[in-house]
Amino acid sequence: MDLLNTLVDKGLRRELPTRDEALAVLATADDELLDVVAAAGKVRRHWFGRRVKLNYLINLKSGLCPEDCSYCSQRLGSKAEILKYTWLKPDEAAQAAAAGVAGGAKRVCLVASGRGPTDRDVDRVSETIAAVKGEHGDVEVCACLGLLSDGQASRLKDAGADAYNHNLNTSESTYKDICTTHDYADRVETVQQAQQAGLSACSGLIAGMGESDEDLVDVVFGLREMDPDSVPVNFLIPFEGTPLAGEWNLTPQRCLRILAMVRFVCPDAEVRLAGGREVQLRSMQPLALHLANSIFLGDYLTSEGQAGKADLEMIADAGFEVEGADTTTLPEHRTDGLVSVRRRGAGTGLPPNA
């Protein structure tokens, strides 16, 4: 298939596909699906081998969010039956992190509901980062606290955070359809603040919210433009009690096409299988490992994930290996010279020092 050969060649060179090529991946027939997975798998293996990075999520503060994001069980007005609690203490978070690290996780993601942190919240999270790193010196810590104010990213970096997560979620043109209390530009600005502070940026999307193929390509091209190191791909879990409770429009085949498109557009980024993979990919999760090189181990914010033991068995049975703490996840050009050097080649298809 000429399209797939072209996309593989571009992926090995970090060259951006055209929009039409990305759309064509999403439009492939079921009969072509294994060819699509095999092609994107070549790009994944070129940059990441057969390694799978494990990440572990800790929900520091749950529920009662003032934002109205339609997909979220913690949103303003949500009737979803979820656990609601205020901040975990630093030692409680460190204790929770121990379970993930014991299962092989090399990154711990500290997440808190809300529009964004106050300065006192940043102090709390800084203490939590210190507690986690005090117990697990080699573990990476990613914070996910919502929209950042000036200076907060630098404070998190100084406290020992390695990365910051803030997803774009959907295309700029449809963002207003899923949220009215902040906009797409607010999210872009937060990711840029994290990058400018020297944090590794983690930003991705949610598929399955009723978006078109064009919307999916728009958000993934927007991510490529920002050039985050990690791109989590979430598949909507239609929580009862939220406006998107009835949006069951994904199939495992469509999920695989979306992952393949993300890999072709962001070939050397850490593509992560994130929320909803168990619900939407189901028995086809092992095939997704040929596209993504990173997964969450265990539970998510307000939903249960696959048992950690089952994840480890799936990785081994599919012929992959868990990435060790002493292995650098990202290709060398992403780890040398930090963001400012990378930025010269971002989104252009040029090598980072061109």
Protein backbone atom coordinates (compact mmCIF):
# COMPACT_ATOMS: atom_id res chain seq x y z
CA MET A 1 0.00 0.00 0.00
CA ASP A 2 1.72 3.20 -1.20
CA LEU A 3 0.17 5.32 1.57
CA LEU A 4 1.61 3.15 4.33
CA ASN A 5 5.06 2.95 2.74
CA THR A 6 5.09 6.74 2.49
CA LEU A 7 4.01 7.15 6.11
CA VAL A 8 6.65 4.71 7.37
CA ASP A 9 9.38 6.59 5.45
CA LYS A 10 8.18 9.90 6.87
CA GLY A 11 7.94 8.49 10.39
CA LEU A 12 11.52 7.25 10.32
CA ARG A 13 12.63 10.77 9.31
CA ARG A 14 10.31 12.62 11.75
CA GLU A 15 8.67 14.20 8.72
CA LEU A 16 5.12 15.47 9.19
CA PRO A 17 2.51 13.63 7.09
CA THR A 18 0.01 15.67 5.13
CA ARG A 19 -3.48 16.15 6.53
CA ASP A 20 -4.85 14.03 3.70
CA GLU A 21 -2.48 11.19 4.61
CA ALA A 22 -3.52 11.34 8.26
CA LEU A 23 -7.19 11.35 7.28
CA ALA A 24 -6.59 8.39 4.97
CA VAL A 25 -5.29 6.33 7.91
CA LEU A 26 -8.56 6.92 9.76
CA ALA A 27 -10.53 5.98 6.62
CA THR A 28 -8.81 2.62 5.97
CA ALA A 29 -11.02 -0.45 5.73
CA ASP A 30 -11.11 -3.23 8.32
CA ASP A 31 -9.46 -5.53 5.78
CA GLU A 32 -6.45 -3.19 5.82
CA LEU A 33 -6.26 -2.79 9.60
CA LEU A 34 -3.44 -5.25 10.25
CA ASP A 35 -1.40 -3.61 7.47
CA VAL A 36 -1.92 -0.23 9.16
CA VAL A 37 -0.85 -1.62 12.56
CA ALA A 38 2.21 -3.30 11.03
CA ALA A 39 3.28 -0.09 9.29
CA ALA A 40 2.88 2.12 12.34
CA GLY A 41 4.58 -0.61 14.37
CA LYS A 42 7.73 -0.19 12.27
CA VAL A 43 7.85 3.48 13.26
CA ARG A 44 7.22 2.65 16.92
CA ARG A 45 10.00 0.04 16.99
CA HIS A 46 12.43 2.35 15.20
CA TRP A 47 12.21 4.94 17.98
CA PHE A 48 11.35 2.77 21.02
CA GLY A 49 12.21 -0.84 20.24
CA ARG A 50 9.92 -3.29 22.01
CA ARG A 51 9.95 -1.40 25.31
CA VAL A 52 6.77 -0.47 27.19
CA LYS A 53 6.96 2.27 29.78
CA LEU A 54 4.69 1.86 32.81
CA ASN A 55 3.07 4.85 34.49
CA TYR A 56 1.10 4.97 37.73
CA LEU A 57 -1.59 7.52 38.50
CA ILE A 58 -2.30 8.96 41.96
CA ASN A 59 -5.45 11.04 42.40
CA LEU A 60 -4.41 13.63 45.00
CA LYS A 61 -7.81 15.36 45.11
CA SER A 62 -11.02 13.95 43.67
CA GLY A 63 -14.31 15.50 42.57
CA LEU A 64 -16.00 18.87 43.14
CA CYS A 65 -14.35 20.56 40.15
CA PRO A 66 -15.78 23.97 39.12
CA GLU A 67 -15.11 23.33 35.41
CA ASP A 68 -17.83 21.91 33.14
CA CYS A 69 -15.85 19.54 30.87
CA SER A 70 -18.57 17.30 29.44
CA TYR A 71 -16.52 14.08 29.50
CA CYS A 72 -15.44 14.29 33.14
CA SER A 73 -17.06 12.51 36.07
CA GLN A 74 -15.61 15.19 38.39
CA ARG A 75 -17.18 18.12 36.50
CA LEU A 76 -19.45 20.81 37.87
CA GLY A 77 -22.92 19.30 38.20
CA SER A 78 -21.77 15.70 37.66
CA LYS A 79 -24.13 13.08 39.03
CA ALA A 80 -21.59 10.29 38.53
CA GLU A 81 -21.12 8.16 41.61
CA ILE A 82 -17.46 8.75 42.35
CA LEU A 83 -15.30 9.11 45.41
CA LYS A 84 -14.85 12.75 46.50
CA TYR A 85 -12.05 13.81 48.82
CA THR A 86 -9.65 16.66 49.41
CA TRP A 87 -5.84 16.54 49.32
CA LEU A 88 -3.94 13.36 50.16
CA LYS A 89 -1.12 13.91 52.62
CA PRO A 90 2.41 13.63 51.19
CA ASP A 91 3.12 10.38 53.05
CA GLU A 92 -0.17 8.89 51.79
CA ALA A 93 0.79 9.73 48.22
CA ALA A 94 4.26 8.24 48.69
CA GLN A 95 2.66 5.09 50.06
CA ALA A 96 0.37 4.89 47.03
CA ALA A 97 3.33 5.42 44.70
CA ALA A 98 5.08 2.43 46.25
CA ALA A 99 2.43 0.10 44.82
CA GLY A 100 3.03 1.39 41.29
CA VAL A 101 6.80 1.29 41.58
CA ALA A 102 6.60 -2.28 42.88
CA GLY A 103 4.69 -3.19 39.71
CA GLY A 104 7.40 -1.70 37.48
CA ALA A 105 6.18 1.87 37.01
CA LYS A 106 8.95 4.36 36.28
CA ARG A 107 6.68 7.43 36.27
CA VAL A 108 4.21 8.52 38.93
CA CYS A 109 1.51 10.98 37.82
CA LEU A 110 0.16 13.26 40.56
CA VAL A 111 -3.29 14.51 39.55
CA ALA A 112 -5.67 16.92 41.28
CA SER A 113 -9.14 18.02 40.21
CA GLY A 114 -9.91 21.72 39.79
CA ARG A 115 -9.42 24.60 37.39
CA GLY A 116 -5.83 25.07 38.48
CA PRO A 117 -3.68 25.16 41.60
CA THR A 118 -3.43 28.00 44.09
CA ASP A 119 0.05 28.88 45.30
CA ARG A 120 -0.74 26.92 48.49
CA ASP A 121 -1.68 23.94 46.33
CA VAL A 122 1.70 24.16 44.58
CA ASP A 123 3.32 24.08 48.04
CA ARG A 124 1.31 20.96 48.91
CA VAL A 125 2.27 19.22 45.68
CA SER A 126 5.91 20.24 46.14
CA GLU A 127 5.90 18.51 49.52
CA THR A 128 4.31 15.45 47.90
CA ILE A 129 6.95 15.37 45.15
CA ALA A 130 9.65 15.47 47.82
CA ALA A 131 7.99 12.61 49.71
CA VAL A 132 7.66 10.44 46.60
CA LYS A 133 11.21 11.10 45.47
CA GLY A 134 12.50 10.57 49.01
CA GLU A 135 11.13 7.03 48.93
CA HIS A 136 11.78 6.34 45.24
CA GLY A 137 14.74 8.36 44.02
CA ASP A 138 14.71 7.03 40.44
CA VAL A 139 11.03 7.52 39.74
CA GLU A 140 9.87 10.26 37.36
CA VAL A 141 7.15 12.54 38.71
CA CYS A 142 4.58 14.18 36.43
CA ALA A 143 2.14 16.74 37.86
CA CYS A 144 -1.34 17.32 36.43
CA LEU A 145 -3.05 20.14 38.30
CA GLY A 146 -4.99 22.04 35.64
CA LEU A 147 -4.30 25.51 34.26
CA LEU A 148 -1.08 27.06 35.57
CA SER A 149 -0.53 30.66 36.63
CA ASP A 150 2.70 32.55 36.02
CA GLY A 151 5.67 31.07 37.84
CA GLN A 152 3.95 27.90 39.01
CA ALA A 153 5.61 25.64 36.43
CA SER A 154 9.04 26.85 37.55
CA ARG A 155 8.15 26.19 41.17
CA LEU A 156 7.11 22.63 40.33
CA LYS A 157 10.33 22.15 38.39
CA ASP A 158 12.36 23.43 41.35
CA ALA A 159 10.45 21.05 43.63
CA GLY A 160 11.65 18.08 41.56
CA ALA A 161 8.83 17.51 39.06
CA ASP A 162 10.06 16.03 35.80
CA ALA A 163 6.98 16.58 33.66
CA TYR A 164 3.63 18.34 33.48
CA ASN A 165 0.46 16.95 31.90
CA HIS A 166 -2.30 19.04 30.38
CA ASN A 167 -4.24 17.55 27.49
CA LEU A 168 -5.66 19.47 24.53
CA ASN A 169 -8.44 16.83 24.39
CA THR A 170 -10.08 17.86 21.11
CA SER A 171 -9.73 20.29 18.20
CA GLU A 172 -9.77 24.03 18.72
CA SER A 173 -12.91 24.41 16.60
CA THR A 174 -14.96 21.96 18.68
CA TYR A 175 -13.52 22.71 22.12
CA LYS A 176 -16.46 24.95 23.00
CA ASP A 177 -18.77 21.95 22.51
CA ILE A 178 -17.18 20.06 25.41
CA CYS A 179 -16.28 22.92 27.78
CA THR A 180 -17.39 26.51 28.36
CA THR A 181 -15.45 27.45 31.50
CA HIS A 182 -12.08 27.66 29.75
CA ASP A 183 -10.92 27.36 26.15
CA TYR A 184 -8.40 25.60 23.94
CA ALA A 185 -5.96 28.52 24.09
CA ASP A 186 -5.83 28.26 27.89
CA ARG A 187 -4.68 24.67 27.56
CA VAL A 188 -2.05 25.48 24.95
CA GLU A 189 -0.69 28.25 27.18
CA THR A 190 -0.31 25.90 30.14
CA VAL A 191 1.61 23.34 28.07
CA GLN A 192 3.89 26.10 26.80
CA GLN A 193 4.50 27.36 30.35
CA ALA A 194 5.58 23.87 31.37
CA GLN A 195 7.97 23.63 28.42
CA GLN A 196 9.44 27.07 29.10
CA ALA A 197 10.12 26.05 32.70
CA GLY A 198 12.11 23.03 31.49
CA LEU A 199 9.47 20.43 32.34
CA SER A 200 8.87 17.58 29.92
CA ALA A 201 5.46 18.32 28.37
CA CYS A 202 2.77 15.63 28.36
CA SER A 203 -0.32 16.48 26.32
CA GLY A 204 -2.80 14.34 24.46
CA LEU A 205 -6.40 13.84 23.47
CA ILE A 206 -9.69 12.11 24.20
CA ALA A 207 -11.28 10.19 21.32
CA GLY A 208 -14.90 9.15 21.17
CA MET A 209 -16.69 12.38 22.12
CA GLY A 210 -18.59 12.59 18.83
CA GLU A 211 -15.74 14.28 16.97
CA SER A 212 -15.11 13.92 13.23
CA ASP A 213 -12.00 12.52 11.57
CA GLU A 214 -11.06 16.12 10.76
CA ASP A 215 -11.28 17.04 14.47
CA LEU A 216 -8.97 14.15 15.39
CA VAL A 217 -6.42 15.18 12.79
CA ASP A 218 -6.66 18.82 13.91
CA VAL A 219 -5.91 18.06 17.55
CA VAL A 220 -3.06 15.66 16.73
CA PHE A 221 -1.52 18.20 14.34
CA GLY A 222 -1.91 20.78 17.12
CA LEU A 223 -0.02 18.45 19.43
CA ARG A 224 2.74 17.93 16.86
CA GLU A 225 3.09 21.70 16.60
CA MET A 226 3.63 21.96 20.38
CA ASP A 227 5.91 18.90 20.30
CA PRO A 228 5.20 17.35 23.72
CA ASP A 229 7.44 14.47 24.77
CA SER A 230 4.43 12.35 25.82
CA VAL A 231 1.08 12.04 24.03
CA PRO A 232 -1.57 10.18 26.06
CA VAL A 233 -4.43 8.85 23.95
CA ASN A 234 -7.59 8.52 26.03
CA PHE A 235 -10.74 6.79 24.82
CA LEU A 236 -13.95 8.19 26.26
CA ILE A 237 -15.54 6.30 29.13
CA PRO A 238 -19.16 7.52 28.94
CA PHE A 239 -19.83 7.98 32.65
CA GLU A 240 -23.47 7.90 33.75
CA GLY A 241 -24.34 11.30 35.17
CA THR A 242 -22.30 13.27 32.59
CA PRO A 243 -23.49 14.90 29.33
CA LEU A 244 -21.57 12.34 27.23
CA ALA A 245 -23.06 9.30 28.95
CA GLY A 246 -24.59 8.08 25.68
CA GLU A 247 -21.55 8.50 23.44
CA TRP A 248 -20.70 4.86 22.71
CA ASN A 249 -19.34 5.39 19.20
CA LEU A 250 -15.88 3.79 19.27
CA THR A 251 -14.92 0.32 18.11
CA PRO A 252 -11.62 -1.44 18.82
CA GLN A 253 -10.77 -1.09 15.12
CA ARG A 254 -11.30 2.69 15.18
CA CYS A 255 -9.20 2.99 18.33
CA LEU A 256 -6.33 1.21 16.58
CA ARG A 257 -6.61 3.51 13.54
CA ILE A 258 -6.52 6.55 15.84
CA LEU A 259 -3.42 5.24 17.61
CA ALA A 260 -1.74 4.54 14.27
CA MET A 261 -2.51 8.06 13.04
CA VAL A 262 -1.05 9.53 16.25
CA ARG A 263 2.10 7.44 15.81
CA PHE A 264 2.58 8.59 12.22
CA VAL A 265 2.09 12.26 13.15
CA CYS A 266 4.15 12.08 16.38
CA PRO A 267 6.61 9.31 15.49
CA ASP A 268 9.27 9.90 18.15
CA ALA A 269 6.96 10.94 21.01
CA GLU A 270 6.01 8.64 23.87
CA VAL A 271 2.51 7.60 22.80
CA ARG A 272 0.61 6.36 25.82
CA LEU A 273 -2.42 4.11 26.01
CA ALA A 274 -4.41 5.96 28.62
CA GLY A 275 -7.94 6.07 30.05
CA GLY A 276 -10.60 3.88 28.48
CA ARG A 277 -8.28 1.39 26.78
CA GLU A 278 -9.82 -1.56 28.60
CA VAL A 279 -13.38 -0.46 27.80
CA GLN A 280 -12.88 0.50 24.15
CA LEU A 281 -10.04 -1.74 22.89
CA ARG A 282 -11.08 -4.76 24.91
CA SER A 283 -9.44 -7.95 23.57
CA MET A 284 -7.47 -5.96 20.99
CA GLN A 285 -5.31 -4.22 23.60
CA PRO A 286 -2.23 -6.34 22.75
CA LEU A 287 -2.33 -5.06 19.15
CA ALA A 288 -2.25 -1.51 20.49
CA LEU A 289 1.18 -2.19 22.01
CA HIS A 290 2.53 -2.22 18.45
CA LEU A 291 1.49 1.44 18.23
CA ALA A 292 1.89 2.84 21.75
CA ASN A 293 5.05 2.47 23.82
CA SER A 294 3.59 3.47 27.18
CA ILE A 295 0.58 2.52 29.32
CA PHE A 296 -0.95 3.32 32.69
CA LEU A 297 -0.67 0.51 35.20
CA GLY A 298 -3.71 -0.05 37.40
CA ASP A 299 -6.59 2.35 38.01
CA TYR A 300 -7.37 5.80 36.59
CA LEU A 301 -8.83 8.89 38.24
CA THR A 302 -12.37 7.68 38.90
CA SER A 303 -12.49 4.36 37.04
CA GLU A 304 -10.89 0.98 37.55
CA GLY A 305 -8.24 -0.23 35.16
CA GLN A 306 -7.10 -3.72 34.27
CA ALA A 307 -5.28 -5.54 37.05
CA GLY A 308 -1.57 -4.79 37.03
CA LYS A 309 -0.70 -8.49 36.84
CA ALA A 310 -2.86 -8.82 33.72
CA ASP A 311 -1.09 -5.85 32.13
CA LEU A 312 2.33 -7.37 32.76
CA GLU A 313 1.19 -10.70 31.32
CA MET A 314 -0.25 -8.95 28.26
CA ILE A 315 3.03 -7.13 27.63
CA ALA A 316 5.06 -10.33 27.91
CA ASP A 317 2.64 -12.42 25.85
CA ALA A 318 2.68 -9.83 23.05
CA GLY A 319 6.49 -10.05 22.88
CA PHE A 320 7.28 -6.72 24.53
CA GLU A 321 9.30 -5.91 27.63
CA VAL A 322 8.80 -3.51 30.52
CA GLU A 323 11.14 -0.53 30.27
CA GLY A 324 13.60 -0.44 33.15
CA ALA A 325 14.20 2.53 35.44
CA ASP A 326 17.76 2.78 34.11
CA THR A 327 16.58 3.17 30.49
CA THR A 328 15.94 6.56 28.91
CA THR A 329 12.51 6.48 27.32
CA LEU A 330 12.93 9.18 24.69
CA PRO A 331 15.25 9.16 21.67
CA GLU A 332 18.54 10.96 22.19
CA HIS A 333 17.58 14.06 20.22
CA ARG A 334 14.74 14.69 22.68
CA THR A 335 16.93 14.42 25.75
CA ASP A 336 19.96 16.43 24.58
CA GLY A 337 19.71 20.17 24.89
CA LEU A 338 16.17 20.35 26.35
CA VAL A 339 13.21 22.00 24.72
CA SER A 340 14.90 25.05 23.20
CA VAL A 341 17.15 22.94 21.00
CA ARG A 342 14.35 20.54 19.99
CA ARG A 343 12.09 23.39 19.07
CA ARG A 344 14.12 24.23 15.96
CA GLY A 345 12.91 21.06 14.28
CA ALA A 346 9.45 20.84 15.84
CA GLY A 347 6.66 20.24 13.39
CA THR A 348 8.89 20.70 10.35
CA GLY A 349 10.20 17.22 9.68
CA LEU A 350 13.74 18.55 10.08
CA PRO A 351 16.29 16.97 12.40
CA PRO A 352 16.43 18.80 15.78
CA ASN A 353 19.67 20.61 14.95
CA ALA A 354 18.90 21.46 11.33
